């Protein structure tokens, strides 16, 4: 929740932290799913399998939202225009 608040404040490093946190969480969830399906799901393991599936989906959404926010913040913070005239017409922005 704290990380989401920092992303809402448009801090670029918080958006990147969201992507990293989601990536690590998704990797752990996928490894748990692969291990559980390889060894067979027991009666109590069904709840853990469902938990890993939901957590993996939420981590994937965290990656998407954090990445979209990071790109949006990066586009807002473009460097200012050059005060010098452009000498080459091929380099002139359109």
N, C-alpha and C. Protein backbone atom coordinates (compact mmCIF):
# COMPACT_ATOMS: atom_id res chain seq x y z
N UNK A 1 0.83 -1.19 0.00
CA UNK A 1 0.00 0.00 0.00
C UNK A 1 0.87 1.25 0.00
N UNK A 2 1.95 1.21 0.76
CA UNK A 2 2.86 2.35 0.79
C UNK A 2 3.51 2.59 -0.56
N UNK A 3 3.85 1.49 -1.25
CA UNK A 3 4.47 1.61 -2.56
C UNK A 3 3.47 2.20 -3.57
N UNK A 4 2.23 1.80 -3.46
CA UNK A 4 1.19 2.36 -4.33
C UNK A 4 0.99 3.85 -4.10
N UNK A 5 1.10 4.29 -2.86
CA UNK A 5 0.98 5.71 -2.55
C UNK A 5 2.15 6.49 -3.16
N UNK A 6 3.33 5.93 -3.11
CA UNK A 6 4.49 6.61 -3.70
C UNK A 6 4.37 6.68 -5.22
N UNK A 7 3.81 5.64 -5.84
CA UNK A 7 3.58 5.68 -7.29
C UNK A 7 2.53 6.73 -7.62
N UNK A 8 1.51 6.84 -6.79
CA UNK A 8 0.46 7.84 -7.02
C UNK A 8 1.02 9.25 -6.93
N UNK A 9 2.06 9.44 -6.13
CA UNK A 9 2.73 10.74 -6.03
C UNK A 9 3.65 10.99 -7.21
N UNK A 10 3.69 10.06 -8.16
CA UNK A 10 4.45 10.17 -9.41
C UNK A 10 5.96 10.19 -9.18
N UNK A 11 6.46 9.35 -8.29
CA UNK A 11 7.90 9.21 -8.08
C UNK A 11 8.40 8.08 -8.98
N UNK A 12 9.35 8.39 -9.84
CA UNK A 12 9.79 7.41 -10.83
C UNK A 12 10.45 6.20 -10.19
N UNK A 13 11.18 6.40 -9.11
CA UNK A 13 11.88 5.27 -8.49
C UNK A 13 10.88 4.32 -7.83
N UNK A 14 9.75 4.84 -7.36
CA UNK A 14 8.74 3.96 -6.77
C UNK A 14 8.08 3.09 -7.84
N UNK A 15 7.88 3.65 -9.02
CA UNK A 15 7.31 2.86 -10.12
C UNK A 15 8.27 1.74 -10.52
N UNK A 16 9.56 2.03 -10.54
CA UNK A 16 10.53 0.99 -10.87
C UNK A 16 10.63 -0.05 -9.77
N UNK A 17 10.48 0.38 -8.52
CA UNK A 17 10.47 -0.56 -7.40
C UNK A 17 9.26 -1.49 -7.50
N UNK A 18 8.13 -0.96 -7.97
CA UNK A 18 6.94 -1.78 -8.19
C UNK A 18 7.23 -2.89 -9.20
N UNK A 19 7.89 -2.53 -10.27
CA UNK A 19 8.21 -3.51 -11.31
C UNK A 19 9.15 -4.58 -10.75
N UNK A 20 10.17 -4.16 -10.02
CA UNK A 20 11.12 -5.14 -9.46
C UNK A 20 10.45 -6.04 -8.43
N UNK A 21 9.65 -5.46 -7.55
CA UNK A 21 8.95 -6.24 -6.52
C UNK A 21 8.01 -7.25 -7.16
N UNK A 22 7.27 -6.81 -8.18
CA UNK A 22 6.35 -7.70 -8.88
C UNK A 22 7.07 -8.81 -9.62
N UNK A 23 8.24 -8.50 -10.18
CA UNK A 23 9.00 -9.51 -10.92
C UNK A 23 9.52 -10.60 -9.99
N UNK A 24 10.05 -10.20 -8.85
CA UNK A 24 10.54 -11.19 -7.89
C UNK A 24 9.37 -12.03 -7.34
N UNK A 25 8.27 -11.38 -7.02
CA UNK A 25 7.10 -12.11 -6.52
C UNK A 25 6.54 -13.08 -7.55
N UNK A 26 6.50 -12.66 -8.82
CA UNK A 26 6.00 -13.53 -9.88
C UNK A 26 6.93 -14.73 -10.08
N UNK A 27 8.23 -14.50 -9.99
CA UNK A 27 9.18 -15.61 -10.12
C UNK A 27 9.00 -16.63 -9.00
N UNK A 28 8.78 -16.15 -7.79
CA UNK A 28 8.57 -17.06 -6.66
C UNK A 28 7.26 -17.83 -6.83
N UNK A 29 6.21 -17.14 -7.28
CA UNK A 29 4.93 -17.81 -7.49
C UNK A 29 5.02 -18.87 -8.59
N UNK A 30 5.71 -18.54 -9.68
CA UNK A 30 5.85 -19.51 -10.76
C UNK A 30 6.67 -20.72 -10.32
N UNK A 31 7.71 -20.48 -9.54
CA UNK A 31 8.50 -21.62 -9.07
C UNK A 31 7.69 -22.49 -8.11
N UNK A 32 6.84 -21.88 -7.32
CA UNK A 32 5.97 -22.65 -6.42
C UNK A 32 4.98 -23.48 -7.23
N UNK A 33 4.41 -22.88 -8.28
CA UNK A 33 3.47 -23.62 -9.12
C UNK A 33 4.14 -24.79 -9.84
N UNK A 34 5.33 -24.56 -10.36
CA UNK A 34 6.04 -25.64 -11.06
C UNK A 34 6.39 -26.76 -10.09
N UNK A 35 6.81 -26.41 -8.90
CA UNK A 35 7.15 -27.43 -7.90
C UNK A 35 5.91 -28.23 -7.49
N UNK A 36 4.80 -27.53 -7.29
CA UNK A 36 3.58 -28.22 -6.84
C UNK A 36 3.01 -29.12 -7.93
N UNK A 37 3.05 -28.67 -9.17
CA UNK A 37 2.51 -29.51 -10.23
C UNK A 37 3.45 -30.67 -10.55
N UNK A 38 4.74 -30.50 -10.30
CA UNK A 38 5.69 -31.58 -10.54
C UNK A 38 5.62 -32.67 -9.49
N UNK A 39 5.35 -32.29 -8.25
CA UNK A 39 5.30 -33.28 -7.17
C UNK A 39 3.89 -33.79 -6.90
N UNK A 40 2.90 -33.17 -7.48
CA UNK A 40 1.52 -33.58 -7.24
C UNK A 40 0.90 -32.74 -6.13
N UNK A 41 -0.35 -32.37 -6.32
CA UNK A 41 -1.05 -31.53 -5.36
C UNK A 41 -1.75 -32.41 -4.35
N UNK A 42 -1.47 -32.18 -3.09
CA UNK A 42 -2.13 -32.93 -2.01
C UNK A 42 -3.42 -32.22 -1.63
N UNK A 43 -4.13 -32.76 -0.65
CA UNK A 43 -5.41 -32.16 -0.22
C UNK A 43 -5.20 -30.75 0.33
N UNK A 44 -4.19 -30.56 1.16
CA UNK A 44 -3.92 -29.23 1.72
C UNK A 44 -3.19 -28.33 0.74
N UNK A 45 -2.59 -28.94 -0.28
CA UNK A 45 -1.82 -28.17 -1.26
C UNK A 45 -2.69 -27.46 -2.28
N UNK A 46 -3.96 -27.85 -2.36
CA UNK A 46 -4.85 -27.19 -3.31
C UNK A 46 -5.04 -25.73 -2.95
N UNK A 47 -5.15 -25.45 -1.67
CA UNK A 47 -5.29 -24.07 -1.20
C UNK A 47 -4.02 -23.28 -1.52
N UNK A 48 -2.88 -23.90 -1.35
CA UNK A 48 -1.61 -23.24 -1.65
C UNK A 48 -1.46 -23.01 -3.15
N UNK A 49 -1.93 -23.94 -3.96
CA UNK A 49 -1.89 -23.78 -5.41
C UNK A 49 -2.76 -22.60 -5.85
N UNK A 50 -3.96 -22.51 -5.30
CA UNK A 50 -4.85 -21.40 -5.61
C UNK A 50 -4.26 -20.07 -5.14
N UNK A 51 -3.65 -20.08 -3.98
CA UNK A 51 -3.01 -18.88 -3.44
C UNK A 51 -1.88 -18.40 -4.36
N UNK A 52 -1.08 -19.33 -4.86
CA UNK A 52 0.02 -18.97 -5.76
C UNK A 52 -0.49 -18.44 -7.09
N UNK A 53 -1.59 -19.01 -7.59
CA UNK A 53 -2.18 -18.51 -8.83
C UNK A 53 -2.66 -17.07 -8.68
N UNK A 54 -3.39 -16.79 -7.62
CA UNK A 54 -3.92 -15.44 -7.39
C UNK A 54 -2.77 -14.46 -7.14
N UNK A 55 -1.81 -14.86 -6.34
CA UNK A 55 -0.67 -14.00 -6.06
C UNK A 55 0.13 -13.72 -7.33
N UNK A 56 0.30 -14.72 -8.19
CA UNK A 56 1.01 -14.53 -9.45
C UNK A 56 0.30 -13.55 -10.36
N UNK A 57 -1.02 -13.63 -10.42
CA UNK A 57 -1.78 -12.69 -11.25
C UNK A 57 -1.67 -11.27 -10.70
N UNK A 58 -1.73 -11.12 -9.39
CA UNK A 58 -1.59 -9.79 -8.79
C UNK A 58 -0.19 -9.22 -9.00
N UNK A 59 0.83 -10.07 -8.91
CA UNK A 59 2.19 -9.61 -9.18
C UNK A 59 2.36 -9.20 -10.63
N UNK A 60 1.72 -9.93 -11.54
CA UNK A 60 1.78 -9.56 -12.95
C UNK A 60 1.12 -8.20 -13.18
N UNK A 61 -0.02 -7.97 -12.53
CA UNK A 61 -0.68 -6.67 -12.64
C UNK A 61 0.18 -5.56 -12.04
N UNK A 62 0.89 -5.86 -10.97
CA UNK A 62 1.79 -4.89 -10.36
C UNK A 62 2.91 -4.51 -11.34
N UNK A 63 3.41 -5.49 -12.08
CA UNK A 63 4.43 -5.21 -13.09
C UNK A 63 3.86 -4.30 -14.18
N UNK A 64 2.65 -4.61 -14.64
CA UNK A 64 2.04 -3.80 -15.70
C UNK A 64 1.77 -2.37 -15.25
N UNK A 65 1.19 -2.21 -14.08
CA UNK A 65 0.86 -0.87 -13.58
C UNK A 65 2.13 -0.07 -13.28
N UNK A 66 3.11 -0.71 -12.66
CA UNK A 66 4.36 -0.02 -12.37
C UNK A 66 5.10 0.38 -13.63
N UNK A 67 5.12 -0.50 -14.62
CA UNK A 67 5.78 -0.18 -15.89
C UNK A 67 5.09 0.93 -16.64
N UNK A 68 3.76 0.90 -16.65
CA UNK A 68 3.00 1.96 -17.32
C UNK A 68 3.22 3.29 -16.62
N UNK A 69 3.25 3.28 -15.32
CA UNK A 69 3.48 4.50 -14.56
C UNK A 69 4.89 5.02 -14.80
N UNK A 70 5.87 4.12 -14.85
CA UNK A 70 7.27 4.52 -15.08
C UNK A 70 7.41 5.18 -16.45
N UNK A 71 6.78 4.60 -17.48
CA UNK A 71 6.87 5.18 -18.82
C UNK A 71 6.13 6.52 -18.86
N UNK A 72 4.98 6.61 -18.20
CA UNK A 72 4.23 7.87 -18.17
C UNK A 72 5.00 8.98 -17.48
N UNK A 73 5.67 8.66 -16.39
CA UNK A 73 6.47 9.66 -15.68
C UNK A 73 7.66 10.08 -16.53
N UNK A 74 8.27 9.12 -17.22
CA UNK A 74 9.43 9.44 -18.06
C UNK A 74 9.04 10.35 -19.22
N UNK A 75 7.84 10.16 -19.78
CA UNK A 75 7.41 11.02 -20.88
C UNK A 75 7.08 12.43 -20.40
N UNK A 76 6.64 12.57 -19.17
CA UNK A 76 6.34 13.89 -18.63
C UNK A 76 7.59 14.69 -18.33
N UNK A 77 8.69 14.03 -18.04
CA UNK A 77 9.91 14.71 -17.61
C UNK A 77 10.92 14.78 -18.76
N UNK A 78 10.50 15.28 -19.88
CA UNK A 78 11.41 15.45 -21.01
C UNK A 78 12.32 16.64 -20.77
N UNK A 79 13.51 16.60 -21.34
CA UNK A 79 14.40 17.75 -21.18
C UNK A 79 13.84 18.96 -21.93
N UNK A 80 14.19 20.16 -21.48
CA UNK A 80 13.68 21.35 -22.15
C UNK A 80 14.26 21.48 -23.56
N UNK A 81 13.58 22.25 -24.39
CA UNK A 81 14.04 22.51 -25.74
C UNK A 81 15.36 23.27 -25.71
N UNK A 82 16.18 23.06 -26.70
CA UNK A 82 17.46 23.75 -26.80
C UNK A 82 17.24 25.20 -27.18
N UNK A 83 17.90 26.14 -26.51
CA UNK A 83 17.75 27.55 -26.89
C UNK A 83 18.52 27.89 -28.16
N UNK A 84 19.42 27.02 -28.59
CA UNK A 84 20.20 27.27 -29.79
C UNK A 84 19.42 26.84 -31.03
N UNK A 85 19.55 27.58 -32.12
CA UNK A 85 18.85 27.15 -33.35
C UNK A 85 19.50 25.89 -33.91
N UNK A 86 18.69 25.09 -34.54
CA UNK A 86 19.19 23.86 -35.14
C UNK A 86 19.76 24.21 -36.50
N UNK A 87 21.03 23.83 -36.72
CA UNK A 87 21.72 24.20 -37.93
C UNK A 87 21.42 23.24 -39.08
N UNK A 88 21.17 22.01 -38.77
CA UNK A 88 20.91 21.00 -39.79
C UNK A 88 19.39 20.78 -39.90
N UNK A 89 18.80 20.96 -41.07
CA UNK A 89 17.33 20.77 -41.18
C UNK A 89 16.90 19.33 -40.95
N UNK A 90 17.80 18.35 -41.08
CA UNK A 90 17.43 16.96 -40.84
C UNK A 90 17.21 16.70 -39.36
N UNK A 91 17.83 17.48 -38.51
CA UNK A 91 17.69 17.28 -37.07
C UNK A 91 16.56 18.10 -36.47
N UNK A 92 15.86 18.84 -37.28
CA UNK A 92 14.77 19.69 -36.79
C UNK A 92 13.60 18.82 -36.34
N UNK A 93 13.13 19.02 -35.10
CA UNK A 93 11.97 18.23 -34.64
C UNK A 93 10.71 18.64 -35.38
N UNK A 94 9.84 17.66 -35.53
CA UNK A 94 8.59 17.92 -36.27
C UNK A 94 7.47 18.22 -35.33
